[in-house]
Amino acid sequence: MGDNAEIDRNADDHAATIMDASKAEKKASSPPQFIPEISSGPIMIRMKDGRPIKGVLEAQNLYQLLLDLGHGKKMIVFKGAISSIEYEVKPKKEKPAVQKW
């Protein structure tokens, strides 16, 4: 009776170890996300039905985006209803090289 319980515990520990390893592999192989890079910048979202929505991305989670539309209005948009997101990439300003005489 005790031997079977010990075998079951070892099997459970082994299964948990395998699941943890597979989660680590998934995280390592996931594509890079661009949404955090466009936060706090003006964007235009086109919905699947063609409607454009202009706003500033304030927050996001796995399923939703929170947009600030201005004039105190905010909107939650479900990612599944989005057709495309347009945004402008601003190049980082480089300091001019200082020449020493």
N, C-alpha and C. Protein backbone atom coordinates (compact mmCIF):
# COMPACT_ATOMS: atom_id res chain seq x y z
N MET A 1 0.82 -1.19 0.00
CA MET A 1 0.00 0.00 0.00
C MET A 1 0.87 1.25 0.00
N GLY A 2 1.89 1.29 0.83
CA GLY A 2 2.78 2.44 0.89
C GLY A 2 3.61 2.60 -0.36
N ASP A 3 3.97 1.50 -1.01
CA ASP A 3 4.76 1.57 -2.23
C ASP A 3 3.99 2.25 -3.36
N ASN A 4 2.72 1.95 -3.49
CA ASN A 4 1.89 2.56 -4.54
C ASN A 4 1.77 4.06 -4.32
N ALA A 5 1.62 4.48 -3.07
CA ALA A 5 1.51 5.91 -2.77
C ALA A 5 2.81 6.63 -3.12
N GLU A 6 3.93 6.00 -2.84
CA GLU A 6 5.24 6.59 -3.16
C GLU A 6 5.42 6.71 -4.67
N ILE A 7 4.99 5.70 -5.41
CA ILE A 7 5.09 5.73 -6.87
C ILE A 7 4.22 6.84 -7.43
N ASP A 8 2.99 7.01 -6.89
CA ASP A 8 2.09 8.05 -7.35
C ASP A 8 2.67 9.44 -7.10
N ARG A 9 3.30 9.64 -5.93
CA ARG A 9 3.91 10.94 -5.63
C ARG A 9 5.05 11.23 -6.59
N ASN A 10 5.88 10.24 -6.87
CA ASN A 10 6.98 10.44 -7.81
C ASN A 10 6.47 10.75 -9.21
N ALA A 11 5.41 10.09 -9.63
CA ALA A 11 4.83 10.33 -10.95
C ALA A 11 4.27 11.75 -11.02
N ASP A 12 3.61 12.20 -9.94
CA ASP A 12 3.07 13.56 -9.92
C ASP A 12 4.18 14.59 -9.96
N ASP A 13 5.26 14.37 -9.22
CA ASP A 13 6.39 15.29 -9.22
C ASP A 13 7.03 15.35 -10.61
N HIS A 14 7.16 14.20 -11.25
CA HIS A 14 7.75 14.14 -12.58
C HIS A 14 6.87 14.88 -13.59
N ALA A 15 5.55 14.71 -13.50
CA ALA A 15 4.63 15.37 -14.41
C ALA A 15 4.69 16.89 -14.22
N ALA A 16 4.78 17.34 -12.97
CA ALA A 16 4.87 18.78 -12.70
C ALA A 16 6.16 19.36 -13.27
N THR A 17 7.25 18.61 -13.17
CA THR A 17 8.53 19.07 -13.71
C THR A 17 8.46 19.20 -15.22
N ILE A 18 7.82 18.25 -15.88
CA ILE A 18 7.69 18.30 -17.34
C ILE A 18 6.83 19.49 -17.75
N MET A 19 5.74 19.76 -17.02
CA MET A 19 4.87 20.88 -17.36
C MET A 19 5.59 22.20 -17.18
N ASP A 20 6.40 22.35 -16.12
CA ASP A 20 7.16 23.57 -15.91
C ASP A 20 8.16 23.79 -17.03
N ALA A 21 8.80 22.73 -17.49
CA ALA A 21 9.77 22.84 -18.57
C ALA A 21 9.08 23.24 -19.87
N SER A 22 7.89 22.70 -20.14
CA SER A 22 7.19 23.05 -21.38
C SER A 22 6.73 24.50 -21.35
N LYS A 23 6.33 25.02 -20.17
CA LYS A 23 5.95 26.42 -20.06
C LYS A 23 7.14 27.33 -20.33
N ALA A 24 8.31 26.95 -19.84
CA ALA A 24 9.52 27.74 -20.06
C ALA A 24 9.88 27.76 -21.55
N GLU A 25 9.70 26.63 -22.24
CA GLU A 25 9.98 26.58 -23.67
C GLU A 25 9.00 27.45 -24.45
N LYS A 26 7.71 27.47 -24.04
CA LYS A 26 6.72 28.30 -24.71
C LYS A 26 7.08 29.77 -24.58
N LYS A 27 7.48 30.19 -23.38
CA LYS A 27 7.84 31.58 -23.17
C LYS A 27 9.05 31.96 -24.01
N ALA A 28 10.00 31.08 -24.12
CA ALA A 28 11.22 31.37 -24.88
C ALA A 28 10.94 31.44 -26.37
N SER A 29 9.95 30.67 -26.86
CA SER A 29 9.70 30.62 -28.29
C SER A 29 8.57 31.54 -28.73
N SER A 30 7.96 32.32 -27.83
CA SER A 30 6.87 33.20 -28.23
C SER A 30 7.40 34.39 -29.02
N PRO A 31 6.62 34.86 -29.99
CA PRO A 31 7.09 35.98 -30.81
C PRO A 31 7.14 37.27 -29.99
N PRO A 32 7.97 38.21 -30.37
CA PRO A 32 8.04 39.47 -29.63
C PRO A 32 6.74 40.25 -29.78
N GLN A 33 6.35 40.92 -28.74
CA GLN A 33 5.10 41.68 -28.75
C GLN A 33 5.40 43.15 -29.03
N PHE A 34 4.61 43.78 -29.91
CA PHE A 34 4.84 45.17 -30.25
C PHE A 34 3.90 46.10 -29.49
N ILE A 35 2.84 45.60 -28.91
CA ILE A 35 1.86 46.48 -28.26
C ILE A 35 2.46 47.27 -27.10
N PRO A 36 3.31 46.70 -26.24
CA PRO A 36 3.90 47.54 -25.20
C PRO A 36 4.75 48.69 -25.75
N GLU A 37 5.30 48.54 -26.95
CA GLU A 37 6.12 49.59 -27.54
C GLU A 37 5.28 50.79 -28.00
N ILE A 38 4.02 50.58 -28.32
CA ILE A 38 3.19 51.68 -28.83
C ILE A 38 2.33 52.32 -27.76
N SER A 39 2.49 51.91 -26.50
CA SER A 39 1.68 52.50 -25.45
C SER A 39 2.05 53.97 -25.28
N SER A 40 1.07 54.75 -24.89
CA SER A 40 1.16 56.20 -24.69
C SER A 40 1.54 56.94 -25.96
N GLY A 41 1.15 56.40 -27.09
CA GLY A 41 1.35 57.08 -28.36
C GLY A 41 0.05 57.05 -29.16
N PRO A 42 -0.14 58.00 -30.09
CA PRO A 42 -1.38 58.01 -30.87
C PRO A 42 -1.41 56.81 -31.83
N ILE A 43 -2.57 56.16 -31.89
CA ILE A 43 -2.75 55.02 -32.78
C ILE A 43 -4.11 55.13 -33.46
N MET A 44 -4.27 54.41 -34.56
CA MET A 44 -5.58 54.28 -35.19
C MET A 44 -5.86 52.80 -35.35
N ILE A 45 -6.98 52.37 -34.82
CA ILE A 45 -7.39 50.98 -34.89
C ILE A 45 -8.50 50.87 -35.92
N ARG A 46 -8.39 49.91 -36.79
CA ARG A 46 -9.47 49.61 -37.73
C ARG A 46 -10.15 48.33 -37.26
N MET A 47 -11.45 48.44 -37.05
CA MET A 47 -12.22 47.30 -36.60
C MET A 47 -12.53 46.39 -37.79
N LYS A 48 -12.97 45.17 -37.51
CA LYS A 48 -13.28 44.23 -38.59
C LYS A 48 -14.41 44.71 -39.50
N ASP A 49 -15.29 45.56 -38.97
CA ASP A 49 -16.37 46.08 -39.80
C ASP A 49 -15.96 47.36 -40.55
N GLY A 50 -14.68 47.78 -40.41
CA GLY A 50 -14.16 48.90 -41.17
C GLY A 50 -14.12 50.22 -40.42
N ARG A 51 -14.70 50.30 -39.24
CA ARG A 51 -14.70 51.57 -38.49
C ARG A 51 -13.30 51.91 -37.98
N PRO A 52 -12.85 53.14 -38.21
CA PRO A 52 -11.58 53.57 -37.61
C PRO A 52 -11.83 54.18 -36.22
N ILE A 53 -10.91 53.94 -35.31
CA ILE A 53 -10.96 54.52 -33.97
C ILE A 53 -9.58 55.10 -33.68
N LYS A 54 -9.53 56.41 -33.42
CA LYS A 54 -8.28 57.07 -33.10
C LYS A 54 -8.21 57.33 -31.61
N GLY A 55 -7.04 57.09 -31.04
CA GLY A 55 -6.87 57.32 -29.62
C GLY A 55 -5.45 57.07 -29.18
N VAL A 56 -5.25 57.12 -27.89
CA VAL A 56 -3.95 56.86 -27.28
C VAL A 56 -4.08 55.59 -26.44
N LEU A 57 -3.20 54.64 -26.69
CA LEU A 57 -3.22 53.38 -25.96
C LEU A 57 -2.74 53.62 -24.53
N GLU A 58 -3.62 53.33 -23.56
CA GLU A 58 -3.27 53.52 -22.16
C GLU A 58 -2.85 52.23 -21.48
N ALA A 59 -3.56 51.14 -21.76
CA ALA A 59 -3.28 49.87 -21.10
C ALA A 59 -3.73 48.74 -22.01
N GLN A 60 -3.23 47.53 -21.70
CA GLN A 60 -3.61 46.36 -22.48
C GLN A 60 -3.46 45.12 -21.61
N ASN A 61 -4.24 44.10 -21.94
CA ASN A 61 -4.08 42.79 -21.32
C ASN A 61 -4.19 41.76 -22.44
N LEU A 62 -4.41 40.51 -22.10
CA LEU A 62 -4.43 39.46 -23.13
C LEU A 62 -5.57 39.63 -24.13
N TYR A 63 -6.69 40.23 -23.74
CA TYR A 63 -7.87 40.26 -24.59
C TYR A 63 -8.37 41.65 -24.95
N GLN A 64 -7.90 42.69 -24.28
CA GLN A 64 -8.48 44.02 -24.46
C GLN A 64 -7.41 45.10 -24.55
N LEU A 65 -7.79 46.22 -25.18
CA LEU A 65 -6.98 47.43 -25.21
C LEU A 65 -7.81 48.55 -24.61
N LEU A 66 -7.19 49.40 -23.80
CA LEU A 66 -7.86 50.57 -23.25
C LEU A 66 -7.34 51.78 -23.99
N LEU A 67 -8.26 52.50 -24.67
CA LEU A 67 -7.90 53.68 -25.44
C LEU A 67 -8.43 54.94 -24.77
N ASP A 68 -7.62 56.00 -24.80
CA ASP A 68 -8.07 57.31 -24.37
C ASP A 68 -8.43 58.07 -25.64
N LEU A 69 -9.71 58.40 -25.81
CA LEU A 69 -10.18 59.06 -27.02
C LEU A 69 -10.10 60.57 -26.93
N GLY A 70 -9.73 61.09 -25.78
CA GLY A 70 -9.68 62.54 -25.58
C GLY A 70 -10.99 63.05 -25.01
N HIS A 71 -10.97 64.26 -24.52
CA HIS A 71 -12.15 64.90 -23.93
C HIS A 71 -12.76 64.06 -22.81
N GLY A 72 -11.91 63.34 -22.08
CA GLY A 72 -12.37 62.54 -20.95
C GLY A 72 -13.04 61.23 -21.32
N LYS A 73 -12.97 60.84 -22.57
CA LYS A 73 -13.61 59.59 -23.00
C LYS A 73 -12.57 58.48 -23.12
N LYS A 74 -12.97 57.31 -22.67
CA LYS A 74 -12.11 56.12 -22.77
C LYS A 74 -12.93 55.01 -23.40
N MET A 75 -12.24 54.07 -24.06
CA MET A 75 -12.93 52.96 -24.71
C MET A 75 -12.12 51.69 -24.54
N ILE A 76 -12.82 50.60 -24.26
CA ILE A 76 -12.20 49.28 -24.22
C ILE A 76 -12.52 48.59 -25.53
N VAL A 77 -11.50 48.10 -26.21
CA VAL A 77 -11.66 47.42 -27.49
C VAL A 77 -11.15 46.00 -27.32
N PHE A 78 -11.95 45.03 -27.73
CA PHE A 78 -11.52 43.64 -27.68
C PHE A 78 -10.58 43.36 -28.84
N LYS A 79 -9.48 42.70 -28.57
CA LYS A 79 -8.48 42.41 -29.60
C LYS A 79 -9.05 41.56 -30.72
N GLY A 80 -10.00 40.70 -30.43
CA GLY A 80 -10.58 39.85 -31.45
C GLY A 80 -11.39 40.60 -32.48
N ALA A 81 -11.80 41.83 -32.18
CA ALA A 81 -12.59 42.65 -33.10
C ALA A 81 -11.72 43.58 -33.94
N ILE A 82 -10.41 43.55 -33.74
CA ILE A 82 -9.51 44.46 -34.43
C ILE A 82 -9.01 43.83 -35.72
N SER A 83 -9.05 44.62 -36.79
CA SER A 83 -8.51 44.17 -38.07
C SER A 83 -7.06 44.61 -38.21
N SER A 84 -6.77 45.88 -37.87
CA SER A 84 -5.39 46.37 -37.97
C SER A 84 -5.17 47.51 -37.00
N ILE A 85 -3.89 47.76 -36.70
CA ILE A 85 -3.49 48.86 -35.83
C ILE A 85 -2.42 49.65 -36.57
N GLU A 86 -2.65 50.95 -36.71
CA GLU A 86 -1.68 51.82 -37.37
C GLU A 86 -1.05 52.72 -36.31
N TYR A 87 0.27 52.83 -36.38
CA TYR A 87 0.98 53.70 -35.45
C TYR A 87 2.24 54.20 -36.12
N GLU A 88 2.80 55.25 -35.57
CA GLU A 88 4.00 55.85 -36.13
C GLU A 88 5.18 55.57 -35.21
N VAL A 89 6.26 55.11 -35.81
CA VAL A 89 7.47 54.84 -35.04
C VAL A 89 8.33 56.10 -35.10
N LYS A 90 8.61 56.63 -33.94
CA LYS A 90 9.46 57.81 -33.88
C LYS A 90 10.89 57.37 -33.63
N PRO A 91 11.82 57.75 -34.51
CA PRO A 91 13.21 57.35 -34.30
C PRO A 91 13.78 58.03 -33.05
N LYS A 92 14.66 57.30 -32.39
CA LYS A 92 15.28 57.86 -31.20
C LYS A 92 16.24 58.97 -31.61
N LYS A 93 16.20 60.06 -30.85
CA LYS A 93 17.08 61.18 -31.15
C LYS A 93 18.50 60.85 -30.71
N GLU A 94 19.41 61.04 -31.62
CA GLU A 94 20.81 60.79 -31.30
C GLU A 94 21.50 62.12 -31.06
N LYS A 95 22.32 62.14 -30.06
CA LYS A 95 23.08 63.36 -29.79
C LYS A 95 24.16 63.50 -30.86
N PRO A 96 24.37 64.70 -31.35
CA PRO A 96 25.42 64.88 -32.35
C PRO A 96 26.79 64.64 -31.70
N ALA A 97 27.66 64.09 -32.48
CA ALA A 97 29.00 63.80 -31.98
C ALA A 97 29.74 65.10 -31.71
N VAL A 98 30.34 65.20 -30.55
CA VAL A 98 31.09 66.39 -30.17
C VAL A 98 32.54 66.20 -30.63
N GLN A 99 32.99 67.15 -31.41
CA GLN A 99 34.37 67.06 -31.88
C GLN A 99 35.27 67.89 -30.96
N LYS A 100 36.31 67.28 -30.54
CA LYS A 100 37.27 67.96 -29.67
C LYS A 100 38.42 68.46 -30.53
N TRP A 101 38.88 69.65 -30.23
CA TRP A 101 39.98 70.24 -30.99
C TRP A 101 41.28 69.86 -30.42
